[in-house]
Amino acid sequence: MELLFLLPLICAFYFWNSRSLRANRPYQTLISAHLLTVACIPVVFKVFELLHDIIPYRLLTELFDLLRALNAVAIWHYLIMAVVILVALALTYLLQMKVFSHQRLIKKRIAKNLCQNCGVGIGPQDNACALCGFKQFKSCDNCAQTTYVFAPFCRECGEVPTKVDE
């Protein structure tokens, strides 16, 4: 019953978060992401409770009896802490490298006509950002036309331009 109550809240917070991301509203995105996270905490506890119900109780008692016989109960605690730390590091790596990668950020900024360096809105024909002074375009080595500085491909010829030092 708890999950049935939380499902509409999770859906509403997810919808709000996705809309605020598309509309480029950072404060609404921050608030909706936090509310979504808070609403998902009971779901995570229910998943752990389900796993506890699935894993046979006898298996856990035998494991603890073995650890007590070996005087190694503290090892169990260290193993749990190590697993939690490894999972947290893996999630952090996944979020940093896949979800919030620099290339993905640049792609969003170019698509929304934002400065490639600072993310402030600029006109589609502006050559440099008025706020940070970053030049948005460079000359392509293959076709000599202007292309975005951090774009993976030239917008005119489609070839890979040389990399710029960041």
C-alpha atoms as a PDB file:
ATOM      1  CA  MET A   1       0.000   0.000   0.000  1.00  0.00           C
ATOM      2  CA  GLU A   2       2.874   2.362   0.731  1.00  0.00           C
ATOM      3  CA  LEU A   3       4.253   1.895  -2.767  1.00  0.00           C
ATOM      4  CA  LEU A   4       0.830   2.557  -4.301  1.00  0.00           C
ATOM      5  CA  PHE A   5       0.738   5.835  -2.395  1.00  0.00           C
ATOM      6  CA  LEU A   6       4.271   6.770  -3.489  1.00  0.00           C
ATOM      7  CA  LEU A   7       3.860   5.861  -7.165  1.00  0.00           C
ATOM      8  CA  PRO A   8       1.861   9.007  -8.118  1.00  0.00           C
ATOM      9  CA  LEU A   9       4.314  11.171  -6.166  1.00  0.00           C
ATOM     10  CA  ILE A  10       7.313   9.599  -7.873  1.00  0.00           C
ATOM     11  CA  CYS A  11       5.665  10.014 -11.283  1.00  0.00           C
ATOM     12  CA  ALA A  12       4.785  13.656 -10.560  1.00  0.00           C
ATOM     13  CA  PHE A  13       8.289  14.479  -9.326  1.00  0.00           C
ATOM     14  CA  TYR A  14       9.844  12.675 -12.330  1.00  0.00           C
ATOM     15  CA  PHE A  15       7.576  14.582 -14.753  1.00  0.00           C
ATOM     16  CA  TRP A  16       8.440  17.877 -13.026  1.00  0.00           C
ATOM     17  CA  ASN A  17      12.150  17.051 -13.161  1.00  0.00           C
ATOM     18  CA  SER A  18      12.109  16.148 -16.847  1.00  0.00           C
ATOM     19  CA  ARG A  19      10.129  19.300 -17.742  1.00  0.00           C
ATOM     20  CA  SER A  20      12.462  21.549 -15.761  1.00  0.00           C
ATOM     21  CA  LEU A  21      15.489  19.909 -17.421  1.00  0.00           C
ATOM     22  CA  ARG A  22      14.043  20.524 -20.883  1.00  0.00           C
ATOM     23  CA  ALA A  23      13.139  24.121 -19.991  1.00  0.00           C
ATOM     24  CA  ASN A  24      16.626  24.729 -18.567  1.00  0.00           C
ATOM     25  CA  ARG A  25      15.384  25.792 -15.119  1.00  0.00           C
ATOM     26  CA  PRO A  26      18.213  24.868 -12.754  1.00  0.00           C
ATOM     27  CA  TYR A  27      16.481  25.693  -9.456  1.00  0.00           C
ATOM     28  CA  GLN A  28      13.359  23.724 -10.319  1.00  0.00           C
ATOM     29  CA  THR A  29      15.560  20.863 -11.509  1.00  0.00           C
ATOM     30  CA  LEU A  30      17.451  20.868  -8.208  1.00  0.00           C
ATOM     31  CA  ILE A  31      14.281  20.906  -6.091  1.00  0.00           C
ATOM     32  CA  SER A  32      12.475  18.280  -8.160  1.00  0.00           C
ATOM     33  CA  ALA A  33      15.532  15.993  -8.157  1.00  0.00           C
ATOM     34  CA  HIS A  34      15.737  16.212  -4.359  1.00  0.00           C
ATOM     35  CA  LEU A  35      12.026  15.505  -3.962  1.00  0.00           C
ATOM     36  CA  LEU A  36      12.324  12.573  -6.362  1.00  0.00           C
ATOM     37  CA  THR A  37      15.223  11.204  -4.336  1.00  0.00           C
ATOM     38  CA  VAL A  38      13.357  11.577  -1.043  1.00  0.00           C
ATOM     39  CA  ALA A  39      10.260   9.896  -2.499  1.00  0.00           C
ATOM     40  CA  CYS A  40      12.387   6.954  -3.705  1.00  0.00           C
ATOM     41  CA  ILE A  41      14.005   6.257  -0.317  1.00  0.00           C
ATOM     42  CA  PRO A  42      11.074   4.119   0.953  1.00  0.00           C
ATOM     43  CA  VAL A  43      11.143   2.204  -2.330  1.00  0.00           C
ATOM     44  CA  VAL A  44      14.821   1.383  -1.784  1.00  0.00           C
ATOM     45  CA  PHE A  45      14.050   0.172   1.747  1.00  0.00           C
ATOM     46  CA  LYS A  46      11.258  -2.040   0.387  1.00  0.00           C
ATOM     47  CA  VAL A  47      13.698  -3.541  -2.139  1.00  0.00           C
ATOM     48  CA  PHE A  48      16.143  -4.329   0.689  1.00  0.00           C
ATOM     49  CA  GLU A  49      13.285  -5.806   2.700  1.00  0.00           C
ATOM     50  CA  LEU A  50      12.334  -7.947  -0.291  1.00  0.00           C
ATOM     51  CA  LEU A  51      15.931  -9.145  -0.653  1.00  0.00           C
ATOM     52  CA  HIS A  52      15.981  -9.994   3.042  1.00  0.00           C
ATOM     53  CA  ASP A  53      12.823 -12.045   2.578  1.00  0.00           C
ATOM     54  CA  ILE A  54      14.213 -13.808  -0.488  1.00  0.00           C
ATOM     55  CA  ILE A  55      17.583 -14.755   1.034  1.00  0.00           C
ATOM     56  CA  PRO A  56      16.933 -17.752   3.269  1.00  0.00           C
ATOM     57  CA  TYR A  57      17.139 -16.903   6.945  1.00  0.00           C
ATOM     58  CA  ARG A  58      18.889 -20.197   7.621  1.00  0.00           C
ATOM     59  CA  LEU A  59      21.726 -19.261   5.242  1.00  0.00           C
ATOM     60  CA  LEU A  60      22.367 -16.024   7.123  1.00  0.00           C
ATOM     61  CA  THR A  61      22.273 -17.723  10.525  1.00  0.00           C
ATOM     62  CA  GLU A  62      24.750 -20.373   9.349  1.00  0.00           C
ATOM     63  CA  LEU A  63      27.035 -17.669   7.972  1.00  0.00           C
ATOM     64  CA  PHE A  64      26.972 -15.774  11.267  1.00  0.00           C
ATOM     65  CA  ASP A  65      27.516 -19.005  13.252  1.00  0.00           C
ATOM     66  CA  LEU A  66      30.570 -19.751  11.087  1.00  0.00           C
ATOM     67  CA  LEU A  67      31.918 -16.234  11.607  1.00  0.00           C
ATOM     68  CA  ARG A  68      31.380 -16.524  15.377  1.00  0.00           C
ATOM     69  CA  ALA A  69      33.165 -19.876  15.431  1.00  0.00           C
ATOM     70  CA  LEU A  70      36.133 -18.331  13.625  1.00  0.00           C
ATOM     71  CA  ASN A  71      36.010 -15.203  15.838  1.00  0.00           C
ATOM     72  CA  ALA A  72      35.669 -13.163  12.659  1.00  0.00           C
ATOM     73  CA  VAL A  73      32.332 -11.358  13.057  1.00  0.00           C
ATOM     74  CA  ALA A  74      34.073  -8.011  12.486  1.00  0.00           C
ATOM     75  CA  ILE A  75      35.061  -9.183   9.007  1.00  0.00           C
ATOM     76  CA  TRP A  76      31.378  -9.229   8.083  1.00  0.00           C
ATOM     77  CA  HIS A  77      31.063  -5.561   9.008  1.00  0.00           C
ATOM     78  CA  TYR A  78      34.167  -4.642   7.032  1.00  0.00           C
ATOM     79  CA  LEU A  79      32.912  -6.583   4.009  1.00  0.00           C
ATOM     80  CA  ILE A  80      29.557  -4.794   4.131  1.00  0.00           C
ATOM     81  CA  MET A  81      31.300  -1.421   4.401  1.00  0.00           C
ATOM     82  CA  ALA A  82      33.603  -2.294   1.489  1.00  0.00           C
ATOM     83  CA  VAL A  83      30.678  -3.352  -0.685  1.00  0.00           C
ATOM     84  CA  VAL A  84      28.762  -0.163   0.104  1.00  0.00           C
ATOM     85  CA  ILE A  85      31.816   1.971  -0.678  1.00  0.00           C
ATOM     86  CA  LEU A  86      32.425   0.131  -3.962  1.00  0.00           C
ATOM     87  CA  VAL A  87      28.790   0.529  -5.008  1.00  0.00           C
ATOM     88  CA  ALA A  88      28.881   4.240  -4.157  1.00  0.00           C
ATOM     89  CA  LEU A  89      32.097   4.705  -6.141  1.00  0.00           C
ATOM     90  CA  ALA A  90      30.666   2.802  -9.101  1.00  0.00           C
ATOM     91  CA  LEU A  91      27.502   4.920  -9.075  1.00  0.00           C
ATOM     92  CA  THR A  92      29.538   8.110  -8.825  1.00  0.00           C
ATOM     93  CA  TYR A  93      31.725   7.028 -11.733  1.00  0.00           C
ATOM     94  CA  LEU A  94      28.690   6.092 -13.813  1.00  0.00           C
ATOM     95  CA  LEU A  95      26.992   9.416 -13.151  1.00  0.00           C
ATOM     96  CA  GLN A  96      30.118  11.463 -13.842  1.00  0.00           C
ATOM     97  CA  MET A  97      31.247   9.630 -16.964  1.00  0.00           C
ATOM     98  CA  LYS A  98      27.955   8.703 -18.597  1.00  0.00           C
ATOM     99  CA  VAL A  99      25.184  10.999 -17.403  1.00  0.00           C
ATOM    100  CA  PHE A 100      27.026  14.268 -16.695  1.00  0.00           C
ATOM    101  CA  SER A 101      29.906  13.934 -19.171  1.00  0.00           C
ATOM    102  CA  HIS A 102      31.550  16.973 -20.723  1.00  0.00           C
ATOM    103  CA  GLN A 103      30.628  15.867 -24.262  1.00  0.00           C
ATOM    104  CA  ARG A 104      26.967  15.513 -23.303  1.00  0.00           C
ATOM    105  CA  LEU A 105      27.032  18.955 -21.668  1.00  0.00           C
ATOM    106  CA  ILE A 106      28.538  20.492 -24.813  1.00  0.00           C
ATOM    107  CA  LYS A 107      25.929  18.783 -26.991  1.00  0.00           C
ATOM    108  CA  LYS A 108      23.099  20.257 -24.893  1.00  0.00           C
ATOM    109  CA  ARG A 109      24.681  23.708 -24.890  1.00  0.00           C
ATOM    110  CA  ILE A 110      25.129  23.761 -28.670  1.00  0.00           C
ATOM    111  CA  ALA A 111      21.557  22.532 -29.240  1.00  0.00           C
ATOM    112  CA  LYS A 112      20.153  25.276 -26.968  1.00  0.00           C
ATOM    113  CA  ASN A 113      22.350  28.102 -28.325  1.00  0.00           C
ATOM    114  CA  LEU A 114      24.266  28.445 -25.068  1.00  0.00           C
ATOM    115  CA  CYS A 115      27.901  29.398 -24.607  1.00  0.00           C
ATOM    116  CA  GLN A 116      30.055  26.271 -24.848  1.00  0.00           C
ATOM    117  CA  ASN A 117      32.203  27.495 -21.958  1.00  0.00           C
ATOM    118  CA  CYS A 118      29.881  29.042 -19.344  1.00  0.00           C
ATOM    119  CA  GLY A 119      26.376  28.014 -20.482  1.00  0.00           C
ATOM    120  CA  VAL A 120      24.865  31.504 -20.814  1.00  0.00           C
ATOM    121  CA  GLY A 121      22.362  32.057 -23.628  1.00  0.00           C
ATOM    122  CA  ILE A 122      23.833  33.582 -26.800  1.00  0.00           C
ATOM    123  CA  GLY A 123      22.470  34.318 -30.248  1.00  0.00           C
ATOM    124  CA  PRO A 124      22.959  31.694 -32.980  1.00  0.00           C
ATOM    125  CA  GLN A 125      25.260  34.022 -34.950  1.00  0.00           C
ATOM    126  CA  ASP A 126      27.202  35.438 -31.992  1.00  0.00           C
ATOM    127  CA  ASN A 127      30.885  34.736 -32.465  1.00  0.00           C
ATOM    128  CA  ALA A 128      31.801  35.100 -28.795  1.00  0.00           C
ATOM    129  CA  CYS A 129      30.052  35.016 -25.432  1.00  0.00           C
ATOM    130  CA  ALA A 130      29.308  38.459 -24.033  1.00  0.00           C
ATOM    131  CA  LEU A 131      29.742  37.221 -20.466  1.00  0.00           C
ATOM    132  CA  CYS A 132      32.957  35.175 -20.525  1.00  0.00           C
ATOM    133  CA  GLY A 133      34.425  36.164 -23.922  1.00  0.00           C
ATOM    134  CA  PHE A 134      34.803  32.580 -25.149  1.00  0.00           C
ATOM    135  CA  LYS A 135      34.962  32.374 -28.947  1.00  0.00           C
ATOM    136  CA  GLN A 136      32.243  29.933 -30.059  1.00  0.00           C
ATOM    137  CA  PHE A 137      33.583  29.091 -33.519  1.00  0.00           C
ATOM    138  CA  LYS A 138      36.856  28.090 -35.099  1.00  0.00           C
ATOM    139  CA  SER A 139      37.973  27.334 -38.629  1.00  0.00           C
ATOM    140  CA  CYS A 140      37.729  23.691 -39.689  1.00  0.00           C
ATOM    141  CA  ASP A 141      41.058  22.199 -40.815  1.00  0.00           C
ATOM    142  CA  ASN A 142      39.353  20.215 -43.588  1.00  0.00           C
ATOM    143  CA  CYS A 143      36.964  22.680 -45.245  1.00  0.00           C
ATOM    144  CA  ALA A 144      38.056  26.044 -43.748  1.00  0.00           C
ATOM    145  CA  GLN A 145      34.427  26.839 -42.779  1.00  0.00           C
ATOM    146  CA  THR A 146      33.448  27.913 -39.275  1.00  0.00           C
ATOM    147  CA  THR A 147      32.418  25.217 -36.830  1.00  0.00           C
ATOM    148  CA  TYR A 148      31.793  25.003 -33.101  1.00  0.00           C
ATOM    149  CA  VAL A 149      34.948  24.855 -30.990  1.00  0.00           C
ATOM    150  CA  PHE A 150      34.013  21.826 -28.869  1.00  0.00           C
ATOM    151  CA  ALA A 151      31.743  20.013 -31.350  1.00  0.00           C
ATOM    152  CA  PRO A 152      32.835  16.469 -32.213  1.00  0.00           C
ATOM    153  CA  PHE A 153      32.280  17.058 -35.954  1.00  0.00           C
ATOM    154  CA  CYS A 154      32.402  20.038 -38.301  1.00  0.00           C
ATOM    155  CA  ARG A 155      28.937  21.467 -38.955  1.00  0.00           C
ATOM    156  CA  GLU A 156      29.771  22.007 -42.647  1.00  0.00           C
ATOM    157  CA  CYS A 157      31.782  18.999 -43.855  1.00  0.00           C
ATOM    158  CA  GLY A 158      31.090  16.501 -41.055  1.00  0.00           C
ATOM    159  CA  GLU A 159      34.754  15.639 -40.556  1.00  0.00           C
ATOM    160  CA  VAL A 160      36.453  15.445 -37.177  1.00  0.00           C
ATOM    161  CA  PRO A 161      38.254  18.756 -36.507  1.00  0.00           C
ATOM    162  CA  THR A 162      41.452  18.908 -34.491  1.00  0.00           C
ATOM    163  CA  LYS A 163      41.007  19.073 -30.718  1.00  0.00           C
ATOM    164  CA  VAL A 164      41.288  22.349 -28.848  1.00  0.00           C
ATOM    165  CA  ASP A 165      43.142  22.580 -25.534  1.00  0.00           C
ATOM    166  CA  GLU A 166      40.558  23.086 -22.802  1.00  0.00           C
END
